[in-house]
Amino acid sequence: MENIRENIIQVAATQFHQIGIRNVSIDDVCAELRISKKTFYQYFDKKEELIDAVIAYEQEQHMAKMHKSIKDKNAIEVFIFTIKEIKKSAECTPFMLWHDLKKYYPGLHHKYDQIKTERIQSAFEDNIRQGIEEGYYRDNLDIELISFFHSIQIRNIFETMMQSQKKYTAKRLTDFFIDMIIHLIVNEKGLKYIEENLSDKK
């Protein structure tokens, strides 16, 4: 039973990414899977529930991949990796899916926009605590406030600067943001670690 539900989610996700949410009907999903609409409605009451499930599923997959990738990394390495992943995610976000979500399902768009903001802030809070415990970050940081600052800045910096009359490459923007924030939060030990291990790998 659970396999059918996951199959529906995966097929719908593929179709949403290819042609947008608006252009995919329940009939289209059922036809691809060769199931009846009666079977579909055993798992989802309406299309909006399916959309919700698709986005939740994809975000869970992304989070699992992130957790696996940062295992055994120190706080500085995790911070740099996270910033690059956020940038990569912004570049790869399917335009049609999120355009349709914002236009036709604003409630769901707001829900997942909030979730994304909260997850980014929570990740930064965890990272700062880790960095302080490891002795790489300043121990007098306001963890809540600086994490909130990070979450706002990282969501705005690329869009704002890319819209400038002078065009900047994504790599240049990413390196700038990493350099700016890292030097705001690290102590002498952290700075030494960066200079010895990461200065040429940003």
Protein backbone atom coordinates (compact mmCIF):
# COMPACT_ATOMS: atom_id res chain seq x y z
CA MET A 1 0.00 0.00 0.00
CA GLU A 2 2.77 2.45 0.93
CA ASN A 3 4.59 1.63 -2.30
CA ILE A 4 1.59 2.79 -4.32
CA ARG A 5 1.51 6.09 -2.45
CA GLU A 6 5.22 6.64 -3.01
CA ASN A 7 4.87 5.74 -6.69
CA ILE A 8 2.12 8.33 -7.06
CA ILE A 9 4.32 10.95 -5.41
CA GLN A 10 7.33 10.15 -7.57
CA VAL A 11 5.40 10.15 -10.84
CA ALA A 12 3.64 13.39 -9.93
CA ALA A 13 6.96 14.98 -8.98
CA THR A 14 8.45 14.12 -12.37
CA GLN A 15 5.44 15.52 -14.21
CA PHE A 16 5.32 18.68 -12.08
CA HIS A 17 8.98 19.38 -12.81
CA GLN A 18 8.59 18.74 -16.53
CA ILE A 19 5.47 20.74 -17.34
CA GLY A 20 4.41 22.51 -14.15
CA ILE A 21 1.77 21.79 -11.53
CA ARG A 22 -1.09 23.46 -13.38
CA ASN A 23 -0.64 21.33 -16.49
CA VAL A 24 -0.72 18.00 -14.63
CA SER A 25 -4.09 16.50 -13.76
CA ILE A 26 -4.97 13.60 -11.51
CA ASP A 27 -5.94 11.74 -14.68
CA ASP A 28 -2.41 12.26 -16.04
CA VAL A 29 -0.84 10.75 -12.92
CA CYS A 30 -3.25 7.83 -12.92
CA ALA A 31 -2.66 7.17 -16.62
CA GLU A 32 1.10 7.08 -16.15
CA LEU A 33 0.77 4.59 -13.29
CA ARG A 34 -2.12 2.68 -14.88
CA ILE A 35 -4.25 2.98 -11.78
CA SER A 36 -7.85 4.11 -11.37
CA LYS A 37 -8.87 7.40 -9.85
CA LYS A 38 -10.57 5.37 -7.14
CA THR A 39 -7.16 3.99 -6.19
CA PHE A 40 -5.68 7.50 -6.26
CA TYR A 41 -8.34 8.80 -3.89
CA GLN A 42 -7.50 6.09 -1.38
CA TYR A 43 -4.27 8.03 -0.76
CA PHE A 44 -5.08 11.65 -1.56
CA ASP A 45 -8.39 13.50 -1.23
CA LYS A 46 -7.46 16.16 -3.79
CA LYS A 47 -4.65 17.43 -5.98
CA GLU A 48 -3.47 19.93 -3.37
CA GLU A 49 -2.75 17.08 -0.96
CA LEU A 50 -0.63 15.41 -3.62
CA ILE A 51 1.33 18.61 -4.24
CA ASP A 52 1.92 18.93 -0.50
CA ALA A 53 3.16 15.34 -0.34
CA VAL A 54 5.48 15.81 -3.34
CA ILE A 55 7.20 18.84 -1.86
CA ALA A 56 7.46 17.26 1.60
CA TYR A 57 8.94 14.09 0.08
CA GLU A 58 11.53 15.99 -1.95
CA GLN A 59 12.56 18.10 1.02
CA GLU A 60 12.95 15.01 3.20
CA GLN A 61 15.16 13.44 0.54
CA HIS A 62 17.26 16.59 0.36
CA MET A 63 17.63 16.79 4.16
CA ALA A 64 18.69 13.13 4.36
CA LYS A 65 21.33 13.75 1.70
CA MET A 66 22.56 16.84 3.54
CA HIS A 67 22.88 15.02 6.88
CA LYS A 68 24.84 12.23 5.23
CA SER A 69 27.17 14.69 3.49
CA ILE A 70 28.08 16.67 6.63
CA LYS A 71 28.72 13.65 8.82
CA ASP A 72 32.17 13.82 10.47
CA LYS A 73 32.84 17.37 9.19
CA ASN A 74 33.82 20.12 11.60
CA ALA A 75 31.72 23.27 11.97
CA ILE A 76 33.69 25.37 9.49
CA GLU A 77 33.53 22.68 6.82
CA VAL A 78 29.81 22.20 7.48
CA PHE A 79 29.18 25.94 7.20
CA ILE A 80 30.95 26.23 3.85
CA PHE A 81 29.26 23.08 2.52
CA THR A 82 25.82 24.33 3.63
CA ILE A 83 26.21 27.71 1.94
CA LYS A 84 27.24 26.03 -1.31
CA GLU A 85 24.28 23.64 -1.10
CA ILE A 86 21.85 26.52 -0.54
CA LYS A 87 23.32 28.27 -3.59
CA LYS A 88 23.11 25.07 -5.64
CA SER A 89 19.52 24.54 -4.53
CA ALA A 90 18.60 28.08 -5.54
CA GLU A 91 20.14 27.58 -8.97
CA CYS A 92 18.46 24.20 -9.52
CA THR A 93 15.00 25.02 -8.16
CA PRO A 94 12.51 23.97 -10.89
CA PHE A 95 11.08 27.23 -12.16
CA MET A 96 7.74 25.90 -13.40
CA LEU A 97 6.92 23.98 -10.22
CA TRP A 98 7.60 26.87 -7.82
CA HIS A 99 6.09 29.45 -10.17
CA ASP A 100 2.84 27.47 -10.29
CA LEU A 101 2.94 26.81 -6.56
CA LYS A 102 3.24 30.51 -5.75
CA LYS A 103 0.58 31.55 -8.27
CA TYR A 104 -2.06 28.84 -7.84
CA TYR A 105 -1.37 27.42 -4.36
CA PRO A 106 -0.15 30.41 -2.29
CA GLY A 107 -0.98 28.66 0.98
CA LEU A 108 1.36 25.78 0.21
CA HIS A 109 4.00 28.16 -1.11
CA HIS A 110 3.91 30.15 2.12
CA LYS A 111 4.03 26.95 4.18
CA TYR A 112 7.18 25.64 2.53
CA ASP A 113 8.81 29.05 2.35
CA GLN A 114 8.43 29.26 6.12
CA ILE A 115 9.73 25.73 6.60
CA LYS A 116 12.78 26.54 4.49
CA THR A 117 13.51 29.68 6.50
CA GLU A 118 13.15 27.83 9.81
CA ARG A 119 15.37 24.96 8.66
CA ILE A 120 18.09 27.30 7.48
CA GLN A 121 18.00 29.20 10.76
CA SER A 122 18.01 25.98 12.78
CA ALA A 123 20.95 24.63 10.76
CA PHE A 124 22.93 27.80 11.42
CA GLU A 125 22.14 27.62 15.15
CA ASP A 126 23.36 24.02 15.29
CA ASN A 127 26.47 24.96 13.34
CA ILE A 128 27.35 27.85 15.62
CA ARG A 129 26.93 25.69 18.72
CA GLN A 130 29.12 23.03 17.12
CA GLY A 131 31.76 25.61 16.21
CA ILE A 132 31.83 27.02 19.74
CA GLU A 133 32.14 23.52 21.24
CA GLU A 134 34.99 22.69 18.84
CA GLY A 135 36.77 25.93 19.72
CA TYR A 136 36.65 27.38 16.19
CA TYR A 137 33.98 30.08 16.76
CA ARG A 138 33.88 33.00 19.16
CA ASP A 139 32.19 31.96 22.40
CA ASN A 140 30.44 35.31 22.90
CA LEU A 141 28.18 35.07 19.83
CA ASP A 142 24.43 35.71 20.16
CA ILE A 143 23.48 32.36 18.62
CA GLU A 144 19.81 33.13 18.02
CA LEU A 145 20.35 36.56 16.53
CA ILE A 146 23.29 35.71 14.30
CA SER A 147 21.49 32.60 13.03
CA PHE A 148 18.47 34.72 12.15
CA PHE A 149 20.79 37.17 10.38
CA HIS A 150 22.36 34.32 8.40
CA SER A 151 19.00 32.89 7.35
CA ILE A 152 17.78 36.26 6.08
CA GLN A 153 21.03 37.19 4.36
CA ILE A 154 21.55 33.92 2.53
CA ARG A 155 18.00 34.03 1.14
CA ASN A 156 18.39 37.59 -0.13
CA ILE A 157 22.01 38.11 -1.10
CA PHE A 158 22.10 36.19 -4.37
CA GLU A 159 18.85 37.60 -5.74
CA THR A 160 19.65 41.19 -4.75
CA MET A 161 23.20 41.21 -6.06
CA MET A 162 22.37 39.32 -9.25
CA GLN A 163 19.76 41.99 -10.04
CA SER A 164 22.40 44.68 -9.82
CA GLN A 165 23.36 46.46 -13.04
CA LYS A 166 26.81 44.96 -12.62
CA LYS A 167 26.56 41.20 -13.01
CA TYR A 168 28.38 38.94 -10.56
CA THR A 169 29.09 35.26 -11.00
CA ALA A 170 27.43 32.87 -8.57
CA LYS A 171 30.85 31.63 -7.43
CA ARG A 172 32.03 35.14 -6.66
CA LEU A 173 28.89 35.87 -4.63
CA THR A 174 29.18 32.59 -2.75
CA ASP A 175 32.85 33.08 -1.91
CA PHE A 176 32.12 36.64 -0.78
CA PHE A 177 29.31 35.57 1.53
CA ILE A 178 31.32 32.69 3.02
CA ASP A 179 34.34 34.92 3.60
CA MET A 180 32.26 37.68 5.18
CA ILE A 181 30.32 35.46 7.60
CA ILE A 182 33.19 33.11 8.47
CA HIS A 183 35.37 36.05 9.50
CA LEU A 184 32.50 37.39 11.58
CA ILE A 185 32.12 34.23 13.67
CA VAL A 186 35.51 32.47 13.84
CA ASN A 187 38.16 33.05 16.49
CA GLU A 188 41.94 32.87 16.04
CA LYS A 189 41.92 29.06 16.05
CA GLY A 190 39.19 29.02 13.40
CA LEU A 191 41.00 31.56 11.25
CA LYS A 192 44.20 29.53 11.46
CA TYR A 193 42.32 26.39 10.43
CA ILE A 194 40.87 28.17 7.40
CA GLU A 195 44.23 29.57 6.32
CA GLU A 196 45.93 26.18 6.66
CA ASN A 197 43.20 23.95 5.25
CA LEU A 198 40.50 25.79 3.33
CA SER A 199 41.79 29.10 1.97
CA ASP A 200 42.12 27.69 -1.55
CA LYS A 201 39.03 25.43 -1.50
CA LYS A 202 36.14 27.85 -1.09
